Each structure stands twice: as C-alpha cells, then as structure tokens.
Amino acid sequence: MQGLMQHHPLTLTHFFDRAENLFPAKEVATATASGRDRVTYGEWADRTRRLGGVLDTLGITADGRVGTFAWNTARHLELYFAAPCSGRVLHTLNIRLFPEQLTYIVNHAEDEVIFVDRSLTKLLWPLLDTFKTVRHVVVMDDGAGDQPADAGAGRELHDYEELLAAASPVGFEVDDEDRAASMCYTSGTTGNPKGVVYSHRSTWLHTLAVMTADSLAASERDVILPVVPMFHANAWGLAHAGVAAGASLVMPGPDLSPRAIAELIESERVTVAAGVPTIWMGVLGELDGRDTSSLRAIPCGGSAVPKALSEAYRAKTGMPILQAWGMTETSPVASVGHIKSTLADRSDEELADLRSAIGLPMVGVEARVVDPENLEPVAHDGEASGELQVRGPWIAREYYDDERSPQSFTADGWLKTGDVASVDGEGYMRIVDRTKDVVKSGGEWISTVELENELMGHPKVAEAAVIGVPHPKWGERPLACVVPKAGQDLTKEELLDFLEGKVAKWWLPDDVVFIEEVPKTSVGKFSKKDLRARFEGYQLPTA
C-alpha cells in the first residue's frame, strides 16, 4: 500500500519564497569598512531575483557553475540563492587556498563566471589567465581595494550593482530535487582538493536538521552571526537555515578580528554565533565588560574544542561552547554536543567532559566507529577507538569527477571520515585524532587532540599543537609545540608537571618547543602538516 501524500520536490526555491513572502521586514546586516549595510528580506529577495536575470543576460548555461570569491555579506547570500534557484550550481571558492589549488578547482568545476569582492581582486587577478572556462568576472564593491581595469583576453569584466540595476526580476522554479545546488571543494586533503556536490534535496534536509531543537535550533527569533566563512562547507548550514526560518542575519564581512566579532555580538544582539576554535580563543579576551546576554548558543567546530576554552566561555558568558562535528562531505553538520536531559544532574566536571565530545548524531545521520580493516564495531566503552564512518541523506556518496572516490567510501555505502573516534555507552562520540595525525608509539596510539586539550588548559598557554616525530625505539613519540600567552614565562618542566595525572604517563611528550604561532589551514584549523614539515628531522632528547 502506497501513501497518498503529494510528491513535492524539496528545492531551495521553497526557502527563498518563504523568506520573501512571510518575513519581508526582517534584516540582513553586513559589516563593511564604512559601517553597516542593512537590507530587508523583501529588498534582498528583489535583488536576488534580479541576479537570476543577470545570470541569464550573461549567458550562463542551464547548469553552469557560478563561482564566488567573497566574504560573508548580503551580496554573497544573494548568490547563495540566485544560482541554485535559477537551476545553476553555486561554487564557493576558498579565498585562502594556494593559487595552484584555486586554479585546479576553477578548471575542474568548469566555472563560467566568478563573482568577486573588490577587496579580494588582488588575490584573484594574477590567476585569471590560468582559468580555462571563466568567461565573465563580476566585481562586487565592498568598499576596499582598487577597481581592476580589465579581466584579460576572452573575459568580460562587470560591475555587480550596474548589472543588477539593468536587470529585471525573474521567477524561480526548480522541479528536480536531485539537481545539483552547490559545490564545495575539500581543503584538508593531500593532493588536489576534492569536489563535493550538494543537491537541492540534501541541502533542504540538512537545513531542516539544523533547525531542529537538538541541533542548532535556528528559528525566526534568532539573530545569527555566521563567523564561519560562506566559502567553507555552506557556512555550516546557517545561511540556508537563517533564510528558511526568517531569522535576522549578521554578516561579518572581511573584519574577523576578535574585537570586531565581539562588537557585532553586543551591538546586534546576536543569539547564535558560530565559528572555529581559533576564532573563539581570540574573542574570549574581548568580552570583558560587554553585554552578551542575548547569546543562547556558540556553535563551534572544524577541530576539537578544548575543554578549557568551553569552560572559560561558561564562566564569562554563562554558557559553554556548543561543540558540533562535520565535514565538507557531510554538508557539514552531522553531530552536536547537547547534554541529554537524563545526564543533566551530573557534576560540573562530568558535564564539562561530556561537552568536550562531539555529541550525538543528528536526526538523519547514522554513525559507526569501526575497526577500519574488518569494519567490526568497537566497544561502546569510551575507551576503544576506531574510524568514524557516517551515512545519511546529506552525506556525499562520491566526489565529483575524481578517481580517488573509491578510497573514501566503503562497499556498503559509508563515508570514511578519516577521524579516529571512540563512543561511550550513552552514544556520545569523541574525536581521538585524525588518522594521519595520531602518534603511533610502540604499536599503540597517542591522541594528539587529547594532549592539546590538556596543554591548552594551562593558564599560561595560548595555543598548543602536538605532532609525532620519529623515535629509534618506539617508532614515533609526541612533540608539543606550544605558544605561551603574551608576557608569560613558561618552561618545559612546568608543562610536563601540569600534564602529570591528566594523561597516561607514556603519553607525556618527549619534548616541548615554544613557537610564536601554530600555523593554520585555510579554514582556521591547526596545520599539523606545516608543523611536521617545520620539525622534519627533529632530534628528541635522549633519556
């Protein structure tokens, strides 16, 4: 017996229409070099429909890839919907990738047009001649940088506002929910980045999941500040969810300094502010004396959240950081670290420890932690570890036109995340490490993530990263790379004494080096690859 419900395609046009019709007075605020630009959803919707007309005028093909090289702004949000709602494919370009990586992904995706903030043209212009398929470059004036003279032979240069002024609004209709809506390339891989293609259906379902109470609970009452870039994994779904819910949005633009973020939180009465741990490490010191009472959630992901950082926010704002986990391949949110009501009466220390886990899989996501060789599940005792694998309706099934796909997916359809994890009896998952970062010492694994979290709990430590270095007897041993807080004197012995009793004795780093800054990846994570290159051949002290 079949159900008798209507079959209505799950496409982004529904979210767009909903915001346009039900919440025309709600605002999107963008921080700029000269102040704050504000646009209502009604005005934004008209501009977005005109932008759909611009794509027609430029002759972008029916499923043409529309590249963006931009900060988090209302204009970028217009592109987030104009491209997929007109049947095209939004392709967000990570502004922090190496030039050769940008050239690869633009050519691999076959972008036909690139929309670029004027302040970023200095990064893009030297690469234009390496792009094989780009026919148009559209400059969005964000009030900074010089206006380029031309885009080179074979390409037309346009001004965004001039194109919009000359265009007429168009209707949006997408009748195939499996049609590609957007694509994003991974940034943390070896070799060339890998392309992930999101469908309207997968984005629709992920958006609803982000709106559920046990996820990020995005709603019309929220004022959402996505500090996480829109060019990184769909801004964690908050740009789509904000529009779908009719929430107010605050776009930080190019100034992601701690003071600027703290000022936005206070002055715009932000309720949800989402970013990576390195962002919140900086913002913490800017919160003294500020009214942050509007905040209800501080989602954080991209890498493990140090327990000390989360507890510092709890002390200063009244709420800990809300840890979430995901990847470009998972749209990205796949688990969130809420505390079950049945566990709420545990001690503060136990709750803090729970919050340092990545939590429970979201509704719609299945997760398993298995031995990567035989795919047997590990014991749910919080100790045994294995590879975290996931599947679900917003999880990638393969990479775009990439022969490496079979290496990343199991025969029975699970994504191999590359994360080493454990899971306890309550179902809480904890990232132990990345498979490529774990220290393999004498046949046993040492979690660099756990060591880093403990090190960053020291009051004199600003940042800490741990890598494995060769050892003649044990294969590898941990080396701690530590950034002291400004003005603090810190010694190796002081740190090792601090770790005593917090981790197994054989986990203690064999050496500590003090550095000025931990290198970061294009999305703000600690770059272990760069640290390993820096300390290649490092000689550990002998006992």
Protein backbone atom coordinates (compact mmCIF):
# COMPACT_ATOMS: atom_id res chain seq x y z
CA MET A 1 0.00 0.00 0.00
CA GLN A 2 1.38 3.38 -1.01
CA GLY A 3 0.99 6.60 0.91
CA LEU A 4 -1.32 9.22 -0.54
CA MET A 5 0.74 12.34 0.09
CA GLN A 6 1.70 14.86 -2.59
CA HIS A 7 5.14 14.48 -4.09
CA HIS A 8 6.56 17.97 -3.96
CA PRO A 9 10.24 18.46 -4.83
CA LEU A 10 12.47 19.58 -1.98
CA THR A 11 14.21 22.56 -3.57
CA LEU A 12 15.72 25.80 -2.30
CA THR A 13 13.05 27.86 -4.04
CA HIS A 14 10.73 26.99 -1.13
CA PHE A 15 13.06 28.59 1.43
CA PHE A 16 13.52 31.64 -0.78
CA ASP A 17 9.76 32.09 -1.35
CA ARG A 18 9.09 31.66 2.36
CA ALA A 19 11.51 34.41 3.37
CA GLU A 20 10.25 36.70 0.61
CA ASN A 21 6.56 36.26 1.42
CA LEU A 22 6.48 35.77 5.20
CA PHE A 23 9.41 37.80 6.52
CA PRO A 24 9.95 40.75 4.14
CA ALA A 25 10.73 43.15 7.00
CA LYS A 26 13.46 41.05 8.63
CA GLU A 27 17.01 42.25 8.01
CA VAL A 28 20.39 41.11 6.81
CA ALA A 29 23.11 43.38 8.22
CA THR A 30 26.63 43.39 6.71
CA ALA A 31 29.66 44.89 8.42
CA THR A 32 31.69 46.97 5.95
CA ALA A 33 34.74 49.22 6.09
CA SER A 34 32.44 52.24 6.41
CA GLY A 35 29.79 50.91 8.76
CA ARG A 36 26.82 48.53 8.49
CA ASP A 37 24.78 47.96 5.36
CA ARG A 38 21.24 46.77 6.01
CA VAL A 39 18.79 45.19 3.62
CA THR A 40 15.36 43.71 4.37
CA TYR A 41 14.43 40.26 3.15
CA GLY A 42 11.97 41.93 0.82
CA GLU A 43 14.72 44.05 -0.75
CA TRP A 44 17.14 41.12 -0.70
CA ALA A 45 14.60 38.91 -2.50
CA ASP A 46 14.09 41.50 -5.26
CA ARG A 47 17.84 41.81 -5.73
CA THR A 48 18.21 38.02 -5.78
CA ARG A 49 15.56 37.68 -8.47
CA ARG A 50 17.35 40.38 -10.49
CA LEU A 51 20.57 38.45 -10.03
CA GLY A 52 18.84 35.46 -11.58
CA GLY A 53 18.13 37.70 -14.54
CA VAL A 54 21.78 38.75 -14.63
CA LEU A 55 22.85 35.11 -14.95
CA ASP A 56 20.50 34.82 -17.94
CA THR A 57 21.89 38.01 -19.50
CA LEU A 58 25.46 36.78 -19.10
CA GLY A 59 24.51 33.59 -20.91
CA ILE A 60 25.38 31.24 -18.05
CA THR A 61 24.29 27.77 -19.17
CA ALA A 62 21.39 25.90 -17.61
CA ASP A 63 23.56 24.11 -15.08
CA GLY A 64 26.56 26.44 -15.31
CA ARG A 65 28.88 26.72 -12.34
CA VAL A 66 28.78 30.14 -10.68
CA GLY A 67 31.97 30.82 -8.76
CA THR A 68 32.12 33.16 -5.75
CA PHE A 69 35.27 34.63 -4.22
CA ALA A 70 33.80 36.62 -1.40
CA TRP A 71 33.42 37.36 2.29
CA ASN A 72 30.24 36.77 4.30
CA THR A 73 27.93 39.52 3.01
CA ALA A 74 24.34 40.07 1.91
CA ARG A 75 25.54 40.02 -1.71
CA HIS A 76 27.09 36.60 -1.17
CA LEU A 77 23.76 35.50 0.29
CA GLU A 78 22.05 36.71 -2.91
CA LEU A 79 24.36 34.42 -4.87
CA TYR A 80 23.65 31.56 -2.44
CA PHE A 81 20.07 31.53 -3.72
CA ALA A 82 20.11 33.12 -7.19
CA ALA A 83 22.44 30.47 -8.62
CA PRO A 84 20.66 27.28 -7.42
CA CYS A 85 17.13 28.72 -7.63
CA SER A 86 17.73 29.52 -11.31
CA GLY A 87 18.98 25.98 -11.92
CA ARG A 88 22.69 26.82 -11.85
CA VAL A 89 25.29 25.49 -9.42
CA LEU A 90 26.86 27.75 -6.80
CA HIS A 91 30.59 27.11 -6.42
CA THR A 92 32.11 28.84 -3.40
CA LEU A 93 35.87 29.36 -3.78
CA ASN A 94 38.00 29.29 -0.65
CA ILE A 95 39.91 32.58 -0.66
CA ARG A 96 42.70 31.08 1.48
CA LEU A 97 43.69 28.21 -0.80
CA PHE A 98 47.06 28.18 -2.51
CA PRO A 99 46.99 29.70 -6.04
CA GLU A 100 47.59 26.36 -7.76
CA GLN A 101 44.69 24.83 -5.80
CA LEU A 102 42.35 27.64 -6.87
CA THR A 103 43.38 27.16 -10.48
CA TYR A 104 42.71 23.44 -10.19
CA ILE A 105 39.23 23.73 -8.68
CA VAL A 106 38.04 26.53 -11.01
CA ASN A 107 39.10 24.49 -14.03
CA HIS A 108 37.91 21.16 -12.61
CA ALA A 109 34.47 22.58 -11.79
CA GLU A 110 34.40 24.47 -15.14
CA ASP A 111 33.24 27.74 -13.64
CA GLU A 112 31.71 30.08 -16.24
CA VAL A 113 31.61 33.23 -14.10
CA ILE A 114 33.26 34.39 -10.90
CA PHE A 115 31.75 36.98 -8.58
CA VAL A 116 34.50 38.61 -6.51
CA ASP A 117 34.58 41.20 -3.71
CA ARG A 118 36.68 44.17 -4.77
CA SER A 119 38.90 43.81 -1.70
CA LEU A 120 39.85 40.32 -2.92
CA THR A 121 40.63 41.15 -6.54
CA LYS A 122 44.32 41.45 -5.69
CA LEU A 123 44.29 37.72 -4.87
CA LEU A 124 42.22 36.63 -7.85
CA TRP A 125 43.56 38.79 -10.68
CA PRO A 126 47.01 37.13 -11.00
CA LEU A 127 45.23 33.80 -11.58
CA LEU A 128 42.68 34.83 -14.21
CA ASP A 129 44.84 33.73 -17.14
CA THR A 130 45.05 30.22 -15.64
CA PHE A 131 41.24 29.80 -15.66
CA LYS A 132 40.17 27.96 -18.81
CA THR A 133 36.36 28.24 -18.71
CA VAL A 134 35.67 31.56 -16.99
CA ARG A 135 34.04 34.00 -19.44
CA HIS A 136 32.83 36.67 -17.03
CA VAL A 137 34.18 38.30 -13.87
CA VAL A 138 31.79 40.38 -11.77
CA VAL A 139 33.22 42.74 -9.15
CA MET A 140 31.18 43.45 -6.03
CA ASP A 141 32.19 46.77 -4.47
CA ASP A 142 32.74 46.13 -0.77
CA GLY A 143 34.40 49.49 -0.25
CA ALA A 144 38.03 48.40 -0.24
CA GLY A 145 40.77 47.81 -2.79
CA ASP A 146 41.37 49.24 -6.24
CA GLN A 147 38.94 48.76 -9.11
CA PRO A 148 40.56 46.45 -11.71
CA ALA A 149 40.90 47.80 -15.25
CA ASP A 150 40.07 44.60 -17.14
CA ALA A 151 39.82 40.85 -16.77
CA GLY A 152 42.15 39.89 -19.61
CA ALA A 153 41.58 38.47 -23.05
CA GLY A 154 38.48 36.37 -23.56
CA ARG A 155 36.74 37.55 -20.39
CA GLU A 156 34.27 40.33 -19.74
CA LEU A 157 34.53 42.49 -16.61
CA HIS A 158 31.30 43.72 -15.00
CA ASP A 159 30.16 45.78 -12.02
CA TYR A 160 27.67 43.91 -9.81
CA GLU A 161 25.40 46.85 -8.99
CA GLU A 162 25.30 48.03 -12.61
CA LEU A 163 24.23 44.57 -13.74
CA LEU A 164 21.51 44.41 -11.08
CA ALA A 165 20.19 47.88 -11.94
CA ALA A 166 19.78 46.91 -15.59
CA ALA A 167 18.20 43.50 -14.89
CA SER A 168 14.57 42.54 -14.40
CA PRO A 169 13.42 40.16 -11.63
CA VAL A 170 12.86 36.58 -12.79
CA GLY A 171 10.76 33.75 -11.47
CA PHE A 172 12.48 30.81 -9.79
CA GLU A 173 11.41 27.23 -10.38
CA VAL A 174 13.38 24.02 -9.91
CA ASP A 175 11.35 20.84 -10.32
CA ASP A 176 14.10 18.25 -9.74
CA GLU A 177 15.18 17.92 -6.11
CA ASP A 178 18.19 15.82 -7.13
CA ARG A 179 19.56 18.62 -9.27
CA ALA A 180 22.92 20.00 -8.10
CA ALA A 181 22.50 23.15 -5.99
CA SER A 182 26.08 23.93 -4.98
CA MET A 183 29.55 22.52 -4.77
CA CYS A 184 32.50 22.97 -2.46
CA TYR A 185 35.99 21.53 -2.56
CA THR A 186 37.72 20.00 0.44
CA SER A 187 40.68 21.88 1.86
CA GLY A 188 42.34 19.45 4.24
CA THR A 189 43.49 16.75 1.86
CA THR A 190 46.80 15.82 0.36
CA GLY A 191 46.94 16.26 -3.39
CA ASN A 192 44.33 18.32 -5.19
CA PRO A 193 41.12 19.27 -3.35
CA LYS A 194 38.14 17.00 -3.92
CA GLY A 195 34.76 18.30 -5.10
CA VAL A 196 31.57 17.69 -3.12
CA VAL A 197 28.30 18.37 -4.95
CA TYR A 198 25.19 19.10 -2.86
CA SER A 199 21.73 18.54 -4.28
CA HIS A 200 18.66 20.66 -3.59
CA ARG A 201 17.25 17.70 -1.65
CA SER A 202 20.33 17.18 0.51
CA THR A 203 20.57 20.91 1.29
CA TRP A 204 16.83 21.08 2.07
CA LEU A 205 17.03 18.17 4.52
CA HIS A 206 20.24 19.44 6.12
CA THR A 207 18.63 22.85 6.57
CA LEU A 208 15.67 21.36 8.42
CA ALA A 209 18.03 19.32 10.57
CA VAL A 210 19.96 22.48 11.52
CA MET A 211 16.62 23.99 12.59
CA THR A 212 15.74 21.14 14.98
CA ALA A 213 15.92 21.75 18.73
CA ASP A 214 18.59 19.13 19.34
CA SER A 215 20.82 20.58 16.63
CA LEU A 216 21.42 24.35 16.25
CA ALA A 217 17.71 25.21 16.64
CA ALA A 218 17.76 28.06 14.12
CA SER A 219 14.43 29.91 14.29
CA GLU A 220 12.71 33.16 13.29
CA ARG A 221 13.51 34.62 16.72
CA ASP A 222 17.26 34.31 16.17
CA VAL A 223 19.87 36.84 15.17
CA ILE A 224 22.51 34.62 13.55
CA LEU A 225 26.16 35.60 13.11
CA PRO A 226 27.95 33.08 10.87
CA VAL A 227 31.61 33.83 11.52
CA VAL A 228 32.43 30.58 9.74
CA PRO A 229 33.03 31.57 6.10
CA MET A 230 30.34 31.12 3.49
CA PHE A 231 33.08 29.66 1.28
CA HIS A 232 33.61 26.85 3.79
CA ALA A 233 31.07 24.00 3.82
CA ASN A 234 27.92 26.07 3.36
CA ALA A 235 28.64 28.27 6.40
CA TRP A 236 27.61 25.21 8.44
CA GLY A 237 24.09 25.47 7.03
CA LEU A 238 23.33 28.70 8.89
CA ALA A 239 22.93 30.84 5.76
CA HIS A 240 20.28 28.48 4.39
CA ALA A 241 18.64 27.92 7.78
CA GLY A 242 18.55 31.64 8.54
CA VAL A 243 16.67 32.37 5.33
CA ALA A 244 14.39 29.34 5.71
CA ALA A 245 13.45 30.34 9.25
CA GLY A 246 13.22 34.07 8.58
CA ALA A 247 15.91 34.81 11.15
CA SER A 248 17.87 38.05 11.17
CA LEU A 249 21.37 37.57 9.80
CA VAL A 250 24.53 39.47 10.68
CA MET A 251 27.31 39.11 8.12
CA PRO A 252 30.78 40.00 9.46
CA GLY A 253 32.37 40.92 6.12
CA PRO A 254 36.18 40.94 5.96
CA ASP A 255 36.98 42.07 9.51
CA LEU A 256 37.15 38.89 11.59
CA SER A 257 39.28 40.40 14.33
CA PRO A 258 38.28 39.44 17.89
CA ARG A 259 37.21 43.00 18.73
CA ALA A 260 35.04 43.30 15.59
CA ILE A 261 33.29 39.99 16.31
CA ALA A 262 32.70 40.87 19.96
CA GLU A 263 31.32 44.27 18.96
CA LEU A 264 28.89 42.68 16.49
CA ILE A 265 27.66 40.21 19.11
CA GLU A 266 26.93 43.02 21.56
CA SER A 267 25.56 45.73 19.27
CA GLU A 268 23.41 43.48 17.04
CA ARG A 269 22.12 41.41 20.00
CA VAL A 270 23.29 38.20 18.36
CA THR A 271 21.70 34.99 19.64
CA VAL A 272 23.75 32.41 17.68
CA ALA A 273 27.40 33.00 16.77
CA ALA A 274 29.26 30.18 15.01
CA GLY A 275 32.97 29.85 14.30
CA VAL A 276 36.06 27.65 14.66
CA PRO A 277 38.00 27.35 17.97
CA THR A 278 40.76 29.75 16.90
CA ILE A 279 38.12 32.48 16.44
CA TRP A 280 36.69 31.96 19.93
CA MET A 281 40.15 31.83 21.50
CA GLY A 282 40.68 35.39 20.31
CA VAL A 283 37.19 36.69 21.07
CA LEU A 284 37.24 35.49 24.69
CA GLY A 285 39.54 38.30 25.83
CA GLU A 286 37.31 40.91 24.15
CA LEU A 287 34.16 40.03 26.08
CA ASP A 288 35.04 41.70 29.39
CA GLY A 289 32.56 44.45 30.16
CA ARG A 290 30.33 43.64 27.20
CA ASP A 291 26.65 42.71 27.34
CA THR A 292 26.44 39.26 25.74
CA SER A 293 23.14 38.33 27.40
CA SER A 294 21.44 37.91 24.02
CA LEU A 295 23.54 34.83 23.20
CA ARG A 296 21.85 31.47 23.50
CA ALA A 297 24.38 29.30 21.63
CA ILE A 298 28.00 29.46 20.48
CA PRO A 299 28.35 26.59 17.98
CA CYS A 300 31.95 25.64 17.33
CA GLY A 301 33.52 23.06 15.03
CA GLY A 302 36.23 22.48 12.48
CA SER A 303 38.52 20.98 15.10
CA ALA A 304 38.20 19.76 18.67
CA VAL A 305 37.12 22.38 21.20
CA PRO A 306 39.49 22.47 24.18
CA LYS A 307 37.58 21.83 27.40
CA ALA A 308 39.36 24.79 28.98
CA LEU A 309 38.06 27.11 26.25
CA SER A 310 34.49 25.89 26.61
CA GLU A 311 34.62 26.30 30.38
CA ALA A 312 36.13 29.76 30.04
CA TYR A 313 33.08 30.79 27.98
CA ARG A 314 30.79 29.24 30.57
CA ALA A 315 32.47 31.33 33.25
CA LYS A 316 32.37 34.55 31.25
CA THR A 317 29.05 34.34 29.36
CA GLY A 318 27.08 31.83 31.39
CA MET A 319 27.13 29.26 28.61
CA PRO A 320 29.75 26.83 27.36
CA ILE A 321 30.66 26.44 23.74
CA LEU A 322 28.38 24.08 21.83
CA GLN A 323 30.61 21.62 20.03
CA ALA A 324 29.46 20.26 16.67
CA TRP A 325 31.17 17.99 14.17
CA GLY A 326 31.06 17.61 10.43
CA MET A 327 32.99 17.79 7.17
CA THR A 328 32.59 19.30 3.73
CA GLU A 329 31.33 15.85 2.76
CA THR A 330 28.57 15.94 5.40
CA SER A 331 27.02 19.29 4.30
CA PRO A 332 28.52 19.77 7.03
CA VAL A 333 26.75 19.32 10.38
CA ALA A 334 26.47 15.66 11.40
CA SER A 335 26.59 15.66 15.21
CA VAL A 336 26.03 18.17 18.00
CA GLY A 337 27.17 18.03 21.63
CA HIS A 338 23.97 18.68 23.57
CA ILE A 339 23.64 17.12 27.02
CA LYS A 340 20.85 14.56 27.39
CA SER A 341 18.25 15.51 30.00
CA THR A 342 18.92 12.19 31.74
CA LEU A 343 22.54 13.26 32.29
CA ALA A 344 21.90 16.86 33.36
CA ASP A 345 22.34 16.10 37.08
CA ARG A 346 25.95 15.02 36.69
CA SER A 347 28.73 17.04 38.30
CA ASP A 348 30.12 20.13 36.60
CA GLU A 349 33.35 18.27 35.82
CA GLU A 350 31.47 15.36 34.24
CA LEU A 351 29.32 17.72 32.18
CA ALA A 352 32.39 19.65 31.02
CA ASP A 353 33.93 16.37 29.92
CA LEU A 354 30.75 15.44 28.02
CA ARG A 355 30.75 18.81 26.27
CA SER A 356 34.27 18.14 25.01
CA ALA A 357 32.84 15.25 22.95
CA ILE A 358 31.27 15.83 19.53
CA GLY A 359 27.99 14.60 20.92
CA LEU A 360 25.26 12.56 19.28
CA PRO A 361 24.50 12.10 15.56
CA MET A 362 21.80 14.46 14.32
CA VAL A 363 18.44 13.07 13.29
CA GLY A 364 19.01 11.72 9.77
CA VAL A 365 22.65 10.77 10.28
CA GLU A 366 23.90 7.29 11.09
CA ALA A 367 27.36 6.93 12.59
CA ARG A 368 29.54 3.98 13.46
CA VAL A 369 33.03 3.59 14.93
CA VAL A 370 34.70 0.53 13.49
CA ASP A 371 37.96 -1.27 13.03
CA PRO A 372 38.96 0.08 9.60
CA GLU A 373 40.29 -3.29 8.50
CA ASN A 374 37.31 -5.57 9.18
CA LEU A 375 34.58 -2.94 9.81
CA GLU A 376 33.71 -4.56 13.14
CA PRO A 377 32.23 -2.07 15.62
CA VAL A 378 34.45 -1.14 18.55
CA ALA A 379 33.19 -1.47 22.11
CA HIS A 380 31.00 1.42 23.28
CA ASP A 381 33.05 1.94 26.42
CA GLY A 382 34.52 5.37 25.71
CA GLU A 383 37.98 3.82 25.51
CA ALA A 384 38.19 1.64 22.40
CA SER A 385 38.80 3.63 19.23
CA GLY A 386 38.38 3.12 15.51
CA GLU A 387 37.46 5.03 12.37
CA LEU A 388 34.33 7.16 12.46
CA GLN A 389 32.13 6.42 9.45
CA VAL A 390 28.81 8.10 8.59
CA ARG A 391 25.95 7.88 6.13
CA GLY A 392 22.70 9.73 5.55
CA PRO A 393 20.68 11.87 3.10
CA TRP A 394 23.11 14.82 3.24
CA ILE A 395 26.31 12.77 3.21
CA ALA A 396 28.31 12.57 -0.05
CA ARG A 397 28.30 9.24 -1.87
CA GLU A 398 31.27 10.08 -4.12
CA TYR A 399 33.45 13.00 -5.18
CA TYR A 400 32.89 15.00 -8.35
CA ASP A 401 34.76 13.51 -11.30
CA ASP A 402 37.51 12.12 -9.09
CA GLU A 403 39.20 8.74 -9.36
CA ARG A 404 40.01 8.85 -5.62
CA SER A 405 36.35 8.29 -4.64
CA PRO A 406 36.61 4.52 -4.01
CA GLN A 407 39.27 5.10 -1.35
CA SER A 408 36.92 7.22 0.74
CA PHE A 409 33.76 5.12 0.79
CA THR A 410 33.07 1.59 1.99
CA ALA A 411 31.50 -1.07 -0.16
CA ASP A 412 28.34 -0.86 1.95
CA GLY A 413 27.96 2.90 1.42
CA TRP A 414 29.56 4.63 4.41
CA LEU A 415 31.82 7.67 4.21
CA LYS A 416 35.26 7.06 5.72
CA THR A 417 35.78 10.29 7.63
CA GLY A 418 39.46 9.79 8.43
CA ASP A 419 38.71 10.63 12.07
CA VAL A 420 39.71 8.26 14.86
CA ALA A 421 36.93 8.23 17.44
CA SER A 422 35.54 6.48 20.48
CA VAL A 423 31.94 6.15 21.60
CA ASP A 424 30.57 5.64 25.12
CA GLY A 425 27.56 3.75 26.43
CA GLU A 426 25.33 6.82 26.07
CA GLY A 427 26.23 7.18 22.39
CA TYR A 428 28.48 10.23 22.81
CA MET A 429 31.25 10.24 20.22
CA ARG A 430 34.66 11.72 20.90
CA ILE A 431 37.27 12.53 18.26
CA VAL A 432 40.54 10.97 19.34
CA ASP A 433 42.52 12.23 16.36
CA ARG A 434 42.82 12.29 12.61
CA THR A 435 44.22 9.00 11.30
CA LYS A 436 47.12 10.94 9.77
CA ASP A 437 47.83 12.89 13.00
CA VAL A 438 47.69 10.20 15.69
CA VAL A 439 51.09 9.37 17.20
CA LYS A 440 51.89 5.68 16.74
CA SER A 441 54.20 4.80 19.63
CA GLY A 442 55.33 1.21 20.15
CA GLY A 443 52.25 -0.14 18.39
CA GLU A 444 49.87 1.97 20.50
CA TRP A 445 48.08 5.20 19.60
CA ILE A 446 48.50 8.51 21.40
CA SER A 447 45.79 11.11 20.83
CA THR A 448 47.28 14.45 19.86
CA VAL A 449 43.85 16.04 20.32
CA GLU A 450 43.63 14.99 23.97
CA LEU A 451 47.17 16.15 24.67
CA GLU A 452 46.44 19.51 23.03
CA ASN A 453 43.27 19.98 25.04
CA GLU A 454 45.11 19.33 28.29
CA LEU A 455 48.00 21.60 27.33
CA MET A 456 45.62 24.44 26.46
CA GLY A 457 44.12 24.08 29.91
CA HIS A 458 47.33 25.55 31.35
CA PRO A 459 46.69 29.19 32.27
CA LYS A 460 49.88 30.36 30.55
CA VAL A 461 49.23 28.59 27.21
CA ALA A 462 47.60 30.40 24.28
CA GLU A 463 47.85 27.60 21.70
CA ALA A 464 49.30 24.11 21.59
CA ALA A 465 49.65 21.50 18.86
CA VAL A 466 51.18 18.05 19.12
CA ILE A 467 52.84 16.08 16.32
CA GLY A 468 54.62 12.75 16.11
CA VAL A 469 58.34 12.73 15.37
CA PRO A 470 60.49 9.69 14.62
CA HIS A 471 61.97 7.71 17.51
CA PRO A 472 64.53 4.90 17.10
CA LYS A 473 62.85 2.60 19.63
CA TRP A 474 59.15 3.49 19.67
CA GLY A 475 58.64 4.48 16.02
CA GLU A 476 57.11 7.85 16.96
CA ARG A 477 56.87 9.98 20.07
CA PRO A 478 54.89 13.18 20.73
CA LEU A 479 56.45 16.63 20.37
CA ALA A 480 54.44 19.51 21.90
CA CYS A 481 54.57 22.83 20.03
CA VAL A 482 53.38 25.50 22.45
CA VAL A 483 52.57 29.20 22.13
CA PRO A 484 52.77 30.92 25.53
CA LYS A 485 50.40 33.75 26.32
CA ALA A 486 51.88 37.21 25.88
CA GLY A 487 54.18 38.18 28.70
CA GLN A 488 54.22 34.72 30.29
CA ASP A 489 57.36 32.76 31.14
CA LEU A 490 56.85 29.06 30.63
CA THR A 491 59.16 26.04 30.85
CA LYS A 492 59.06 22.51 29.53
CA GLU A 493 59.23 21.14 33.08
CA GLU A 494 56.28 23.26 34.16
CA LEU A 495 54.13 21.90 31.34
CA LEU A 496 55.11 18.26 31.88
CA ASP A 497 54.38 18.60 35.59
CA PHE A 498 50.98 20.07 34.67
CA LEU A 499 50.19 17.03 32.50
CA GLU A 500 51.12 14.53 35.22
CA GLY A 501 48.00 12.64 36.25
CA LYS A 502 45.91 14.12 33.41
CA VAL A 503 47.10 11.67 30.75
CA ALA A 504 48.81 8.29 30.82
CA LYS A 505 52.48 8.61 31.77
CA TRP A 506 53.64 7.06 28.50
CA TRP A 507 51.65 9.73 26.62
CA LEU A 508 53.75 12.58 28.03
CA PRO A 509 55.55 14.48 25.24
CA ASP A 510 59.22 13.64 24.91
CA ASP A 511 59.94 17.32 24.31
CA VAL A 512 58.32 20.75 24.25
CA VAL A 513 59.22 23.52 21.80
CA PHE A 514 58.00 27.08 22.17
CA ILE A 515 56.85 28.82 18.98
CA GLU A 516 55.29 32.19 18.13
CA GLU A 517 52.16 30.82 16.43
CA VAL A 518 50.66 27.50 15.42
CA PRO A 519 50.26 27.58 11.62
CA LYS A 520 46.64 27.45 10.42
CA THR A 521 44.92 25.86 7.44
CA SER A 522 42.69 27.81 5.04
CA VAL A 523 39.71 27.23 7.35
CA GLY A 524 41.44 28.11 10.62
CA LYS A 525 42.42 24.65 11.85
CA PHE A 526 45.87 23.88 13.22
CA SER A 527 48.05 22.79 10.30
CA LYS A 528 49.87 19.69 11.51
CA LYS A 529 51.25 19.22 8.00
CA ASP A 530 53.14 22.52 8.23
CA LEU A 531 54.39 21.69 11.71
CA ARG A 532 55.63 18.29 10.58
CA ALA A 533 57.49 19.94 7.71
CA ARG A 534 58.99 22.52 10.07
CA PHE A 535 60.24 19.90 12.52
CA GLU A 536 61.23 17.26 9.98
CA GLY A 537 64.39 15.57 11.24
CA TYR A 538 63.90 16.93 14.77
CA GLN A 539 66.04 15.05 17.28
CA LEU A 540 64.26 14.21 20.50
CA PRO A 541 66.35 14.41 23.66
CA THR A 542 67.69 11.06 24.87
CA ALA A 543 66.82 9.83 28.31
